[in-house]
Amino acid sequence: MSSSDISSTASVIALAMLSVALVLAFIRLARGPSLPDRVVALDLISILAAGITAVYAIAAEQPVFLDVALVLALISFLGTVAFARYLERQGSR
């Protein structure tokens, strides 16, 4: 096996695992018993999307997509922090 075959196989396995995690996160998003559970699931979905983008960037040898994954992860983090702040203020009332 050449290194290209190993890299392609690893990319397929990683994408499959990330896809399974994405489906499970969607289930948690739909069934989540509380709003914070749903927000965590939504944050996980966005991080998994960034991971899928990064794996694709490596597999396709297109480093520009790594920038997209980084921006997606940062925006997701800021959204989660903003929602946590919102929940904190709702709890203090």
PDB file of N, CA and C in Angstrom:
ATOM      1  N   MET A   1       0.840  -1.189   0.000  1.00  0.00           N
ATOM      2  CA  MET A   1       0.000   0.000   0.000  1.00  0.00           C
ATOM      3  C   MET A   1       0.880   1.246   0.000  1.00  0.00           C
ATOM      4  N   SER A   2       0.501   2.172  -0.819  1.00  0.00           N
ATOM      5  CA  SER A   2       1.252   3.419  -0.862  1.00  0.00           C
ATOM      6  C   SER A   2       0.684   4.392   0.177  1.00  0.00           C
ATOM      7  N   SER A   3       1.412   5.451   0.405  1.00  0.00           N
ATOM      8  CA  SER A   3       0.962   6.441   1.383  1.00  0.00           C
ATOM      9  C   SER A   3      -0.309   7.146   0.923  1.00  0.00           C
ATOM     10  N   SER A   4      -0.510   7.219  -0.373  1.00  0.00           N
ATOM     11  CA  SER A   4      -1.733   7.819  -0.905  1.00  0.00           C
ATOM     12  C   SER A   4      -2.951   6.965  -0.569  1.00  0.00           C
ATOM     13  N   ASP A   5      -2.796   5.647  -0.668  1.00  0.00           N
ATOM     14  CA  ASP A   5      -3.895   4.742  -0.331  1.00  0.00           C
ATOM     15  C   ASP A   5      -4.230   4.814   1.153  1.00  0.00           C
ATOM     16  N   ILE A   6      -3.205   4.885   1.973  1.00  0.00           N
ATOM     17  CA  ILE A   6      -3.414   4.973   3.420  1.00  0.00           C
ATOM     18  C   ILE A   6      -4.102   6.278   3.780  1.00  0.00           C
ATOM     19  N   SER A   7      -3.673   7.369   3.173  1.00  0.00           N
ATOM     20  CA  SER A   7      -4.275   8.676   3.433  1.00  0.00           C
ATOM     21  C   SER A   7      -5.732   8.701   2.991  1.00  0.00           C
ATOM     22  N   SER A   8      -6.021   8.139   1.850  1.00  0.00           N
ATOM     23  CA  SER A   8      -7.396   8.113   1.357  1.00  0.00           C
ATOM     24  C   SER A   8      -8.279   7.242   2.241  1.00  0.00           C
ATOM     25  N   THR A   9      -7.773   6.104   2.680  1.00  0.00           N
ATOM     26  CA  THR A   9      -8.528   5.232   3.577  1.00  0.00           C
ATOM     27  C   THR A   9      -8.779   5.910   4.917  1.00  0.00           C
ATOM     28  N   ALA A  10      -7.771   6.575   5.449  1.00  0.00           N
ATOM     29  CA  ALA A  10      -7.924   7.290   6.716  1.00  0.00           C
ATOM     30  C   ALA A  10      -8.945   8.418   6.595  1.00  0.00           C
ATOM     31  N   SER A  11      -8.959   9.094   5.467  1.00  0.00           N
ATOM     32  CA  SER A  11      -9.929  10.172   5.253  1.00  0.00           C
ATOM     33  C   SER A  11     -11.350   9.626   5.213  1.00  0.00           C
ATOM     34  N   VAL A  12     -11.536   8.511   4.535  1.00  0.00           N
ATOM     35  CA  VAL A  12     -12.871   7.910   4.448  1.00  0.00           C
ATOM     36  C   VAL A  12     -13.348   7.457   5.823  1.00  0.00           C
ATOM     37  N   ILE A  13     -12.447   6.842   6.594  1.00  0.00           N
ATOM     38  CA  ILE A  13     -12.810   6.384   7.936  1.00  0.00           C
ATOM     39  C   ILE A  13     -13.146   7.572   8.831  1.00  0.00           C
ATOM     40  N   ALA A  14     -12.343   8.626   8.770  1.00  0.00           N
ATOM     41  CA  ALA A  14     -12.589   9.811   9.586  1.00  0.00           C
ATOM     42  C   ALA A  14     -13.911  10.475   9.211  1.00  0.00           C
ATOM     43  N   LEU A  15     -14.185  10.579   7.925  1.00  0.00           N
ATOM     44  CA  LEU A  15     -15.452  11.174   7.497  1.00  0.00           C
ATOM     45  C   LEU A  15     -16.642  10.324   7.935  1.00  0.00           C
ATOM     46  N   ALA A  16     -16.501   9.019   7.890  1.00  0.00           N
ATOM     47  CA  ALA A  16     -17.585   8.136   8.336  1.00  0.00           C
ATOM     48  C   ALA A  16     -17.842   8.301   9.830  1.00  0.00           C
ATOM     49  N   MET A  17     -16.783   8.358  10.614  1.00  0.00           N
ATOM     50  CA  MET A  17     -16.938   8.523  12.059  1.00  0.00           C
ATOM     51  C   MET A  17     -17.548   9.886  12.398  1.00  0.00           C
ATOM     52  N   LEU A  18     -17.107  10.919  11.714  1.00  0.00           N
ATOM     53  CA  LEU A  18     -17.671  12.250  11.948  1.00  0.00           C
ATOM     54  C   LEU A  18     -19.136  12.307  11.523  1.00  0.00           C
ATOM     55  N   SER A  19     -19.490  11.595  10.465  1.00  0.00           N
ATOM     56  CA  SER A  19     -20.884  11.564  10.017  1.00  0.00           C
ATOM     57  C   SER A  19     -21.784  10.861  11.029  1.00  0.00           C
ATOM     58  N   VAL A  20     -21.309   9.773  11.600  1.00  0.00           N
ATOM     59  CA  VAL A  20     -22.078   9.076  12.637  1.00  0.00           C
ATOM     60  C   VAL A  20     -22.264   9.994  13.845  1.00  0.00           C
ATOM     61  N   ALA A  21     -21.220  10.676  14.240  1.00  0.00           N
ATOM     62  CA  ALA A  21     -21.319  11.609  15.363  1.00  0.00           C
ATOM     63  C   ALA A  21     -22.299  12.738  15.040  1.00  0.00           C
ATOM     64  N   LEU A  22     -22.310  13.182  13.801  1.00  0.00           N
ATOM     65  CA  LEU A  22     -23.225  14.238  13.383  1.00  0.00           C
ATOM     66  C   LEU A  22     -24.682  13.772  13.489  1.00  0.00           C
ATOM     67  N   VAL A  23     -24.961  12.549  13.073  1.00  0.00           N
ATOM     68  CA  VAL A  23     -26.318  12.009  13.182  1.00  0.00           C
ATOM     69  C   VAL A  23     -26.742  11.909  14.649  1.00  0.00           C
ATOM     70  N   LEU A  24     -25.846  11.430  15.499  1.00  0.00           N
ATOM     71  CA  LEU A  24     -26.161  11.328  16.926  1.00  0.00           C
ATOM     72  C   LEU A  24     -26.387  12.702  17.554  1.00  0.00           C
ATOM     73  N   ALA A  25     -25.628  13.693  17.122  1.00  0.00           N
ATOM     74  CA  ALA A  25     -25.819  15.052  17.638  1.00  0.00           C
ATOM     75  C   ALA A  25     -27.159  15.626  17.176  1.00  0.00           C
ATOM     76  N   PHE A  26     -27.571  15.307  15.940  1.00  0.00           N
ATOM     77  CA  PHE A  26     -28.879  15.754  15.468  1.00  0.00           C
ATOM     78  C   PHE A  26     -30.006  15.117  16.283  1.00  0.00           C
ATOM     79  N   ILE A  27     -29.829  13.863  16.652  1.00  0.00           N
ATOM     80  CA  ILE A  27     -30.827  13.205  17.491  1.00  0.00           C
ATOM     81  C   ILE A  27     -30.923  13.906  18.840  1.00  0.00           C
ATOM     82  N   ARG A  28     -29.766  14.248  19.418  1.00  0.00           N
ATOM     83  CA  ARG A  28     -29.776  14.953  20.698  1.00  0.00           C
ATOM     84  C   ARG A  28     -30.391  16.342  20.548  1.00  0.00           C
ATOM     85  N   LEU A  29     -30.143  16.979  19.425  1.00  0.00           N
ATOM     86  CA  LEU A  29     -30.721  18.299  19.180  1.00  0.00           C
ATOM     87  C   LEU A  29     -32.244  18.207  19.114  1.00  0.00           C
ATOM     88  N   ALA A  30     -32.762  17.180  18.476  1.00  0.00           N
ATOM     89  CA  ALA A  30     -34.215  17.031  18.335  1.00  0.00           C
ATOM     90  C   ALA A  30     -34.881  16.575  19.635  1.00  0.00           C
ATOM     91  N   ARG A  31     -34.222  15.705  20.380  1.00  0.00           N
ATOM     92  CA  ARG A  31     -34.838  15.117  21.565  1.00  0.00           C
ATOM     93  C   ARG A  31     -34.423  15.773  22.866  1.00  0.00           C
ATOM     94  N   GLY A  32     -33.442  16.654  22.824  1.00  0.00           N
ATOM     95  CA  GLY A  32     -32.883  17.227  24.044  1.00  0.00           C
ATOM     96  C   GLY A  32     -33.934  17.642  25.053  1.00  0.00           C
ATOM     97  N   PRO A  33     -33.810  17.173  26.287  1.00  0.00           N
ATOM     98  CA  PRO A  33     -34.857  17.481  27.257  1.00  0.00           C
ATOM     99  C   PRO A  33     -34.893  18.954  27.669  1.00  0.00           C
ATOM    100  N   SER A  34     -33.791  19.649  27.546  1.00  0.00           N
ATOM    101  CA  SER A  34     -33.785  21.054  27.960  1.00  0.00           C
ATOM    102  C   SER A  34     -33.069  21.899  26.913  1.00  0.00           C
ATOM    103  N   LEU A  35     -33.255  23.193  27.054  1.00  0.00           N
ATOM    104  CA  LEU A  35     -32.640  24.120  26.106  1.00  0.00           C
ATOM    105  C   LEU A  35     -31.111  24.070  26.144  1.00  0.00           C
ATOM    106  N   PRO A  36     -30.465  24.024  27.318  1.00  0.00           N
ATOM    107  CA  PRO A  36     -29.004  23.907  27.316  1.00  0.00           C
ATOM    108  C   PRO A  36     -28.485  22.652  26.624  1.00  0.00           C
ATOM    109  N   ASP A  37     -29.222  21.542  26.734  1.00  0.00           N
ATOM    110  CA  ASP A  37     -28.820  20.322  26.028  1.00  0.00           C
ATOM    111  C   ASP A  37     -28.841  20.535  24.525  1.00  0.00           C
ATOM    112  N   ARG A  38     -29.847  21.232  24.064  1.00  0.00           N
ATOM    113  CA  ARG A  38     -29.957  21.501  22.636  1.00  0.00           C
ATOM    114  C   ARG A  38     -28.853  22.438  22.161  1.00  0.00           C
ATOM    115  N   VAL A  39     -28.486  23.401  22.995  1.00  0.00           N
ATOM    116  CA  VAL A  39     -27.410  24.324  22.616  1.00  0.00           C
ATOM    117  C   VAL A  39     -26.077  23.594  22.540  1.00  0.00           C
ATOM    118  N   VAL A  40     -25.830  22.704  23.467  1.00  0.00           N
ATOM    119  CA  VAL A  40     -24.593  21.912  23.433  1.00  0.00           C
ATOM    120  C   VAL A  40     -24.571  21.039  22.189  1.00  0.00           C
ATOM    121  N   ALA A  41     -25.719  20.449  21.837  1.00  0.00           N
ATOM    122  CA  ALA A  41     -25.794  19.629  20.633  1.00  0.00           C
ATOM    123  C   ALA A  41     -25.541  20.474  19.384  1.00  0.00           C
ATOM    124  N   LEU A  42     -26.086  21.675  19.351  1.00  0.00           N
ATOM    125  CA  LEU A  42     -25.859  22.558  18.207  1.00  0.00           C
ATOM    126  C   LEU A  42     -24.391  22.970  18.109  1.00  0.00           C
ATOM    127  N   ASP A  43     -23.767  23.214  19.249  1.00  0.00           N
ATOM    128  CA  ASP A  43     -22.338  23.523  19.258  1.00  0.00           C
ATOM    129  C   ASP A  43     -21.533  22.324  18.755  1.00  0.00           C
ATOM    130  N   LEU A  44     -21.902  21.142  19.183  1.00  0.00           N
ATOM    131  CA  LEU A  44     -21.223  19.931  18.714  1.00  0.00           C
ATOM    132  C   LEU A  44     -21.381  19.756  17.210  1.00  0.00           C
ATOM    133  N   ILE A  45     -22.570  20.043  16.693  1.00  0.00           N
ATOM    134  CA  ILE A  45     -22.803  19.929  15.252  1.00  0.00           C
ATOM    135  C   ILE A  45     -21.899  20.880  14.487  1.00  0.00           C
ATOM    136  N   SER A  46     -21.756  22.095  14.970  1.00  0.00           N
ATOM    137  CA  SER A  46     -20.899  23.045  14.254  1.00  0.00           C
ATOM    138  C   SER A  46     -19.424  22.654  14.341  1.00  0.00           C
ATOM    139  N   ILE A  47     -19.001  22.108  15.459  1.00  0.00           N
ATOM    140  CA  ILE A  47     -17.616  21.646  15.581  1.00  0.00           C
ATOM    141  C   ILE A  47     -17.379  20.428  14.683  1.00  0.00           C
ATOM    142  N   LEU A  48     -18.368  19.544  14.603  1.00  0.00           N
ATOM    143  CA  LEU A  48     -18.241  18.401  13.700  1.00  0.00           C
ATOM    144  C   LEU A  48     -18.204  18.852  12.245  1.00  0.00           C
ATOM    145  N   ALA A  49     -18.966  19.880  11.918  1.00  0.00           N
ATOM    146  CA  ALA A  49     -18.915  20.425  10.554  1.00  0.00           C
ATOM    147  C   ALA A  49     -17.530  20.995  10.259  1.00  0.00           C
ATOM    148  N   ALA A  50     -16.936  21.646  11.247  1.00  0.00           N
ATOM    149  CA  ALA A  50     -15.572  22.147  11.069  1.00  0.00           C
ATOM    150  C   ALA A  50     -14.593  20.981  10.894  1.00  0.00           C
ATOM    151  N   GLY A  51     -14.803  19.904  11.641  1.00  0.00           N
ATOM    152  CA  GLY A  51     -13.953  18.719  11.492  1.00  0.00           C
ATOM    153  C   GLY A  51     -14.096  18.068  10.127  1.00  0.00           C
ATOM    154  N   ILE A  52     -15.322  17.984   9.649  1.00  0.00           N
ATOM    155  CA  ILE A  52     -15.547  17.420   8.313  1.00  0.00           C
ATOM    156  C   ILE A  52     -14.880  18.293   7.258  1.00  0.00           C
ATOM    157  N   THR A  53     -14.987  19.602   7.420  1.00  0.00           N
ATOM    158  CA  THR A  53     -14.336  20.524   6.486  1.00  0.00           C
ATOM    159  C   THR A  53     -12.820  20.359   6.516  1.00  0.00           C
ATOM    160  N   ALA A  54     -12.260  20.184   7.703  1.00  0.00           N
ATOM    161  CA  ALA A  54     -10.807  20.017   7.828  1.00  0.00           C
ATOM    162  C   ALA A  54     -10.348  18.705   7.195  1.00  0.00           C
ATOM    163  N   VAL A  55     -11.085  17.632   7.429  1.00  0.00           N
ATOM    164  CA  VAL A  55     -10.714  16.345   6.823  1.00  0.00           C
ATOM    165  C   VAL A  55     -10.798  16.437   5.305  1.00  0.00           C
ATOM    166  N   TYR A  56     -11.843  17.090   4.806  1.00  0.00           N
ATOM    167  CA  TYR A  56     -11.967  17.261   3.360  1.00  0.00           C
ATOM    168  C   TYR A  56     -10.803  18.089   2.810  1.00  0.00           C
ATOM    169  N   ALA A  57     -10.419  19.134   3.538  1.00  0.00           N
ATOM    170  CA  ALA A  57      -9.307  19.980   3.090  1.00  0.00           C
ATOM    171  C   ALA A  57      -8.016  19.170   2.988  1.00  0.00           C
ATOM    172  N   ILE A  58      -7.809  18.286   3.924  1.00  0.00           N
ATOM    173  CA  ILE A  58      -6.600  17.460   3.897  1.00  0.00           C
ATOM    174  C   ILE A  58      -6.678  16.432   2.772  1.00  0.00           C
ATOM    175  N   ALA A  59      -7.856  15.815   2.608  1.00  0.00           N
ATOM    176  CA  ALA A  59      -8.014  14.783   1.574  1.00  0.00           C
ATOM    177  C   ALA A  59      -7.906  15.376   0.172  1.00  0.00           C
ATOM    178  N   ALA A  60      -8.470  16.564  -0.016  1.00  0.00           N
ATOM    179  CA  ALA A  60      -8.465  17.191  -1.340  1.00  0.00           C
ATOM    180  C   ALA A  60      -7.221  18.047  -1.569  1.00  0.00           C
ATOM    181  N   GLU A  61      -6.375  18.145  -0.560  1.00  0.00           N
ATOM    182  CA  GLU A  61      -5.159  18.958  -0.625  1.00  0.00           C
ATOM    183  C   GLU A  61      -5.482  20.407  -1.000  1.00  0.00           C
ATOM    184  N   GLN A  62      -6.498  20.954  -0.347  1.00  0.00           N
ATOM    185  CA  GLN A  62      -6.922  22.338  -0.540  1.00  0.00           C
ATOM    186  C   GLN A  62      -6.853  23.056   0.809  1.00  0.00           C
ATOM    187  N   PRO A  63      -5.704  23.640   1.143  1.00  0.00           N
ATOM    188  CA  PRO A  63      -5.545  24.248   2.472  1.00  0.00           C
ATOM    189  C   PRO A  63      -6.457  25.448   2.726  1.00  0.00           C
ATOM    190  N   VAL A  64      -7.063  26.009   1.706  1.00  0.00           N
ATOM    191  CA  VAL A  64      -7.941  27.157   1.913  1.00  0.00           C
ATOM    192  C   VAL A  64      -9.164  26.759   2.738  1.00  0.00           C
ATOM    193  N   PHE A  65      -9.585  25.489   2.664  1.00  0.00           N
ATOM    194  CA  PHE A  65     -10.729  25.038   3.441  1.00  0.00           C
ATOM    195  C   PHE A  65     -10.410  24.956   4.935  1.00  0.00           C
ATOM    196  N   LEU A  66      -9.149  24.885   5.297  1.00  0.00           N
ATOM    197  CA  LEU A  66      -8.796  24.911   6.717  1.00  0.00           C
ATOM    198  C   LEU A  66      -9.149  26.253   7.335  1.00  0.00           C
ATOM    199  N   ASP A  67      -9.037  27.325   6.562  1.00  0.00           N
ATOM    200  CA  ASP A  67      -9.455  28.641   7.039  1.00  0.00           C
ATOM    201  C   ASP A  67     -10.959  28.669   7.303  1.00  0.00           C
ATOM    202  N   VAL A  68     -11.712  28.039   6.428  1.00  0.00           N
ATOM    203  CA  VAL A  68     -13.167  27.963   6.602  1.00  0.00           C
ATOM    204  C   VAL A  68     -13.500  27.208   7.884  1.00  0.00           C
ATOM    205  N   ALA A  69     -12.810  26.106   8.129  1.00  0.00           N
ATOM    206  CA  ALA A  69     -13.048  25.313   9.339  1.00  0.00           C
ATOM    207  C   ALA A  69     -12.709  26.119  10.589  1.00  0.00           C
ATOM    208  N   LEU A  70     -11.636  26.873  10.535  1.00  0.00           N
ATOM    209  CA  LEU A  70     -11.234  27.684  11.677  1.00  0.00           C
ATOM    210  C   LEU A  70     -12.257  28.773  11.972  1.00  0.00           C
ATOM    211  N   VAL A  71     -12.732  29.459  10.948  1.00  0.00           N
ATOM    212  CA  VAL A  71     -13.731  30.514  11.133  1.00  0.00           C
ATOM    213  C   VAL A  71     -15.027  29.918  11.671  1.00  0.00           C
ATOM    214  N   LEU A  72     -15.436  28.775  11.160  1.00  0.00           N
ATOM    215  CA  LEU A  72     -16.644  28.112  11.644  1.00  0.00           C
ATOM    216  C   LEU A  72     -16.524  27.757  13.124  1.00  0.00           C
ATOM    217  N   ALA A  73     -15.385  27.245  13.525  1.00  0.00           N
ATOM    218  CA  ALA A  73     -15.177  26.888  14.930  1.00  0.00           C
ATOM    219  C   ALA A  73     -15.192  28.127  15.826  1.00  0.00           C
ATOM    220  N   LEU A  74     -14.587  29.212  15.377  1.00  0.00           N
ATOM    221  CA  LEU A  74     -14.573  30.429  16.185  1.00  0.00           C
ATOM    222  C   LEU A  74     -15.960  31.038  16.325  1.00  0.00           C
ATOM    223  N   ILE A  75     -16.718  31.069  15.252  1.00  0.00           N
ATOM    224  CA  ILE A  75     -18.073  31.615  15.321  1.00  0.00           C
ATOM    225  C   ILE A  75     -18.950  30.738  16.210  1.00  0.00           C
ATOM    226  N   SER A  76     -18.772  29.452  16.119  1.00  0.00           N
ATOM    227  CA  SER A  76     -19.523  28.530  16.970  1.00  0.00           C
ATOM    228  C   SER A  76     -19.206  28.771  18.444  1.00  0.00           C
ATOM    229  N   PHE A  77     -17.953  28.958  18.743  1.00  0.00           N
ATOM    230  CA  PHE A  77     -17.557  29.214  20.122  1.00  0.00           C
ATOM    231  C   PHE A  77     -18.177  30.505  20.635  1.00  0.00           C
ATOM    232  N   LEU A  78     -18.142  31.551  19.832  1.00  0.00           N
ATOM    233  CA  LEU A  78     -18.715  32.823  20.255  1.00  0.00           C
ATOM    234  C   LEU A  78     -20.226  32.710  20.460  1.00  0.00           C
ATOM    235  N   GLY A  79     -20.897  31.964  19.618  1.00  0.00           N
ATOM    236  CA  GLY A  79     -22.330  31.754  19.786  1.00  0.00           C
ATOM    237  C   GLY A  79     -22.650  31.012  21.069  1.00  0.00           C
ATOM    238  N   THR A  80     -21.854  30.027  21.395  1.00  0.00           N
ATOM    239  CA  THR A  80     -22.069  29.264  22.621  1.00  0.00           C
ATOM    240  C   THR A  80     -21.834  30.132  23.850  1.00  0.00           C
ATOM    241  N   VAL A  81     -20.815  30.947  23.816  1.00  0.00           N
ATOM    242  CA  VAL A  81     -20.542  31.851  24.933  1.00  0.00           C
ATOM    243  C   VAL A  81     -21.687  32.848  25.094  1.00  0.00           C
ATOM    244  N   ALA A  82     -22.182  33.380  23.993  1.00  0.00           N
ATOM    245  CA  ALA A  82     -23.288  34.330  24.061  1.00  0.00           C
ATOM    246  C   ALA A  82     -24.538  33.672  24.642  1.00  0.00           C
ATOM    247  N   PHE A  83     -24.810  32.446  24.234  1.00  0.00           N
ATOM    248  CA  PHE A  83     -25.989  31.772  24.778  1.00  0.00           C
ATOM    249  C   PHE A  83     -25.814  31.446  26.256  1.00  0.00           C
ATOM    250  N   ALA A  84     -24.619  31.056  26.666  1.00  0.00           N
ATOM    251  CA  ALA A  84     -24.368  30.782  28.082  1.00  0.00           C
ATOM    252  C   ALA A  84     -24.578  32.046  28.909  1.00  0.00           C
ATOM    253  N   ARG A  85     -24.166  33.161  28.381  1.00  0.00           N
ATOM    254  CA  ARG A  85     -24.375  34.434  29.069  1.00  0.00           C
ATOM    255  C   ARG A  85     -25.865  34.756  29.181  1.00  0.00           C
ATOM    256  N   TYR A  86     -26.602  34.475  28.121  1.00  0.00           N
ATOM    257  CA  TYR A  86     -28.040  34.689  28.116  1.00  0.00           C
ATOM    258  C   TYR A  86     -28.713  33.825  29.181  1.00  0.00           C
ATOM    259  N   LEU A  87     -28.333  32.547  29.252  1.00  0.00           N
ATOM    260  CA  LEU A  87     -28.908  31.658  30.258  1.00  0.00           C
ATOM    261  C   LEU A  87     -28.543  32.085  31.664  1.00  0.00           C
ATOM    262  N   GLU A  88     -27.334  32.596  31.825  1.00  0.00           N
ATOM    263  CA  GLU A  88     -26.897  33.050  33.150  1.00  0.00           C
ATOM    264  C   GLU A  88     -27.761  34.240  33.602  1.00  0.00           C
ATOM    265  N   ARG A  89     -28.046  35.138  32.700  1.00  0.00           N
ATOM    266  CA  ARG A  89     -28.875  36.297  33.076  1.00  0.00           C
ATOM    267  C   ARG A  89     -30.316  35.897  33.316  1.00  0.00           C
ATOM    268  N   GLN A  90     -30.819  34.892  32.606  1.00  0.00           N
ATOM    269  CA  GLN A  90     -32.182  34.420  32.834  1.00  0.00           C
ATOM    270  C   GLN A  90     -32.307  33.744  34.198  1.00  0.00           C
ATOM    271  N   GLY A  91     -31.255  33.067  34.623  1.00  0.00           N
ATOM    272  CA  GLY A  91     -31.280  32.382  35.910  1.00  0.00           C
ATOM    273  C   GLY A  91     -31.218  33.330  37.095  1.00  0.00           C
ATOM    274  N   SER A  92     -30.639  34.509  36.907  1.00  0.00           N
ATOM    275  CA  SER A  92     -30.502  35.456  38.030  1.00  0.00           C
ATOM    276  C   SER A  92     -31.771  36.230  38.292  1.00  0.00           C
ATOM    277  N   ARG A  93     -32.760  36.134  37.414  1.00  0.00           N
ATOM    278  CA  ARG A  93     -34.026  36.868  37.613  1.00  0.00           C
ATOM    279  C   ARG A  93     -34.925  36.183  38.568  1.00  0.00           C
TER     280      ARG A  93
END
